[in-house]
C-alpha atoms as a PDB file:
ATOM      1  CA  MET A   1      17.459  19.128 -10.518  1.00  0.00           C
ATOM      2  CA  GLY A   2      14.404  17.625  -8.732  1.00  0.00           C
ATOM      3  CA  LYS A   3      14.442  14.937  -6.028  1.00  0.00           C
ATOM      4  CA  SER A   4      14.624  11.545  -7.147  1.00  0.00           C
ATOM      5  CA  VAL A   5      11.301   9.590  -6.090  1.00  0.00           C
ATOM      6  CA  SER A   6      11.681   5.743  -5.353  1.00  0.00           C
ATOM      7  CA  PRO A   7       8.788   3.916  -6.633  1.00  0.00           C
ATOM      8  CA  GLU A   8       6.093   2.447  -4.162  1.00  0.00           C
ATOM      9  CA  ILE A   9       2.570   1.570  -3.886  1.00  0.00           C
ATOM     10  CA  VAL A  10       0.624   2.643  -1.248  1.00  0.00           C
ATOM     11  CA  LEU A  11      -2.533   0.061  -0.313  1.00  0.00           C
ATOM     12  CA  ILE A  12      -5.466   1.528   1.736  1.00  0.00           C
ATOM     13  CA  PHE A  13      -7.870  -0.652   3.445  1.00  0.00           C
ATOM     14  CA  ARG A  14     -11.479   0.156   5.091  1.00  0.00           C
ATOM     15  CA  GLY A  15     -10.114   0.408   8.475  1.00  0.00           C
ATOM     16  CA  THR A  16      -7.674  -0.615  11.103  1.00  0.00           C
ATOM     17  CA  HIS A  17      -8.418  -4.067  11.711  1.00  0.00           C
ATOM     18  CA  GLN A  18      -8.322  -4.754   7.951  1.00  0.00           C
ATOM     19  CA  VAL A  19      -4.803  -3.161   7.575  1.00  0.00           C
ATOM     20  CA  MET A  20      -3.355  -4.811  10.826  1.00  0.00           C
ATOM     21  CA  SER A  21      -5.078  -8.406   9.322  1.00  0.00           C
ATOM     22  CA  ALA A  22      -3.043  -7.519   5.844  1.00  0.00           C
ATOM     23  CA  GLU A  23       0.084  -6.564   7.556  1.00  0.00           C
ATOM     24  CA  LYS A  24       0.247 -10.081   9.152  1.00  0.00           C
ATOM     25  CA  ASN A  25      -0.332 -12.079   6.207  1.00  0.00           C
ATOM     26  CA  LEU A  26       1.704 -10.040   4.285  1.00  0.00           C
ATOM     27  CA  LYS A  27       4.605 -10.514   6.775  1.00  0.00           C
ATOM     28  CA  LYS A  28       3.948 -14.258   6.976  1.00  0.00           C
ATOM     29  CA  ALA A  29       4.439 -14.385   3.555  1.00  0.00           C
ATOM     30  CA  GLY A  30       7.515 -12.713   3.336  1.00  0.00           C
ATOM     31  CA  VAL A  31       6.318 -10.024   1.346  1.00  0.00           C
ATOM     32  CA  PRO A  32       8.585  -6.597   2.183  1.00  0.00           C
ATOM     33  CA  MET A  33       6.349  -3.903   3.316  1.00  0.00           C
ATOM     34  CA  ARG A  34       5.653  -1.474   5.804  1.00  0.00           C
ATOM     35  CA  LEU A  35       3.397   0.161   7.625  1.00  0.00           C
ATOM     36  CA  ILE A  36       2.927   3.924   7.216  1.00  0.00           C
ATOM     37  CA  PRO A  37       0.384   6.648   7.863  1.00  0.00           C
ATOM     38  CA  VAL A  38      -1.834   7.299   5.427  1.00  0.00           C
ATOM     39  CA  PRO A  39      -0.437  10.540   2.983  1.00  0.00           C
ATOM     40  CA  ARG A  40      -2.561  13.013   3.622  1.00  0.00           C
ATOM     41  CA  ARG A  41      -2.564  13.490  -0.311  1.00  0.00           C
ATOM     42  CA  LEU A  42      -4.591  10.755  -0.338  1.00  0.00           C
ATOM     43  CA  SER A  43      -6.905  10.934   2.341  1.00  0.00           C
ATOM     44  CA  SER A  44      -7.744  13.514   5.398  1.00  0.00           C
ATOM     45  CA  ASP A  45      -8.586  10.668   7.467  1.00  0.00           C
ATOM     46  CA  CYS A  46      -6.057   9.594  10.289  1.00  0.00           C
ATOM     47  CA  GLY A  47      -4.847   6.229   9.748  1.00  0.00           C
ATOM     48  CA  LEU A  48      -2.896   3.250   8.625  1.00  0.00           C
ATOM     49  CA  ALA A  49      -1.745   2.202   5.201  1.00  0.00           C
ATOM     50  CA  ILE A  50       0.824  -0.684   3.604  1.00  0.00           C
ATOM     51  CA  ARG A  51       3.589   0.660   1.454  1.00  0.00           C
ATOM     52  CA  VAL A  52       5.376  -1.957  -0.946  1.00  0.00           C
ATOM     53  CA  PHE A  53       7.368  -1.542  -3.776  1.00  0.00           C
ATOM     54  CA  PRO A  54       6.491  -2.545  -7.347  1.00  0.00           C
ATOM     55  CA  ASN A  55       8.602  -5.252  -7.590  1.00  0.00           C
ATOM     56  CA  ASP A  56       6.322  -6.823  -4.912  1.00  0.00           C
ATOM     57  CA  ARG A  57       3.117  -5.766  -6.229  1.00  0.00           C
ATOM     58  CA  ASP A  58       2.058  -9.206  -7.548  1.00  0.00           C
ATOM     59  CA  ARG A  59       3.115 -11.465  -4.623  1.00  0.00           C
ATOM     60  CA  ALA A  60       1.168  -8.870  -2.286  1.00  0.00           C
ATOM     61  CA  ARG A  61      -1.702  -9.015  -4.304  1.00  0.00           C
ATOM     62  CA  GLU A  62      -1.443 -12.765  -4.498  1.00  0.00           C
ATOM     63  CA  VAL A  63      -1.665 -12.922  -0.712  1.00  0.00           C
ATOM     64  CA  LEU A  64      -3.948 -10.458  -0.239  1.00  0.00           C
ATOM     65  CA  THR A  65      -6.539 -12.214  -2.772  1.00  0.00           C
ATOM     66  CA  ARG A  66      -5.834 -15.694  -0.920  1.00  0.00           C
ATOM     67  CA  SER A  67      -6.668 -13.955   2.640  1.00  0.00           C
ATOM     68  CA  GLY A  68      -9.780 -12.187   1.047  1.00  0.00           C
ATOM     69  CA  ILE A  69      -8.088  -8.505   2.450  1.00  0.00           C
ATOM     70  CA  LEU A  70      -8.309  -6.489  -0.286  1.00  0.00           C
ATOM     71  CA  PRO A  71      -7.356  -2.842  -0.103  1.00  0.00           C
ATOM     72  CA  ARG A  72      -9.826  -0.178  -1.152  1.00  0.00           C
ATOM     73  CA  SER A  73      -7.877   1.479  -3.196  1.00  0.00           C
ATOM     74  CA  VAL A  74      -4.043   1.420  -4.184  1.00  0.00           C
ATOM     75  CA  HIS A  75      -2.144   4.458  -4.980  1.00  0.00           C
ATOM     76  CA  ILE A  76       1.518   4.830  -6.920  1.00  0.00           C
ATOM     77  CA  LEU A  77       4.172   7.581  -6.291  1.00  0.00           C
ATOM     78  CA  ARG A  78       4.744   9.299  -9.359  1.00  0.00           C
ATOM     79  CA  GLU A  79       7.068  11.801 -10.424  1.00  0.00           C
ATOM     80  CA  GLY A  80       6.300  15.177  -8.808  1.00  0.00           C
ATOM     81  CA  ASP A  81       5.325  13.533  -5.472  1.00  0.00           C
ATOM     82  CA  VAL A  82       2.265  12.921  -7.250  1.00  0.00           C
ATOM     83  CA  TYR A  83      -0.240   9.588  -6.345  1.00  0.00           C
ATOM     84  CA  GLU A  84      -2.256   7.996  -8.967  1.00  0.00           C
ATOM     85  CA  GLU A  85      -4.827   5.617  -8.217  1.00  0.00           C
ATOM     86  CA  GLU A  86      -4.570   2.384  -9.969  1.00  0.00           C
ATOM     87  CA  PRO A  87      -6.404  -0.974  -9.671  1.00  0.00           C
ATOM     88  CA  PHE A  88      -4.791  -3.340  -7.512  1.00  0.00           C
END
């Protein structure tokens, strides 16, 4: 029996400054999130990303759109530890 995967959405930004600004805006708006290393399956670059859960996605999109800080790419974790890229 495989392990159960908790759905999560990973937001990848263009650089450290942008991800830190996104984190600040999300926290200020009360959006639950976590700063994480970019999963190696998504990028070989050393960097940071933001993890949110699906039920917080719309609020995160609203906050980041309003602040003008949009992710470069968005990935959702599916069964089998596979990330799929999706529109934000």
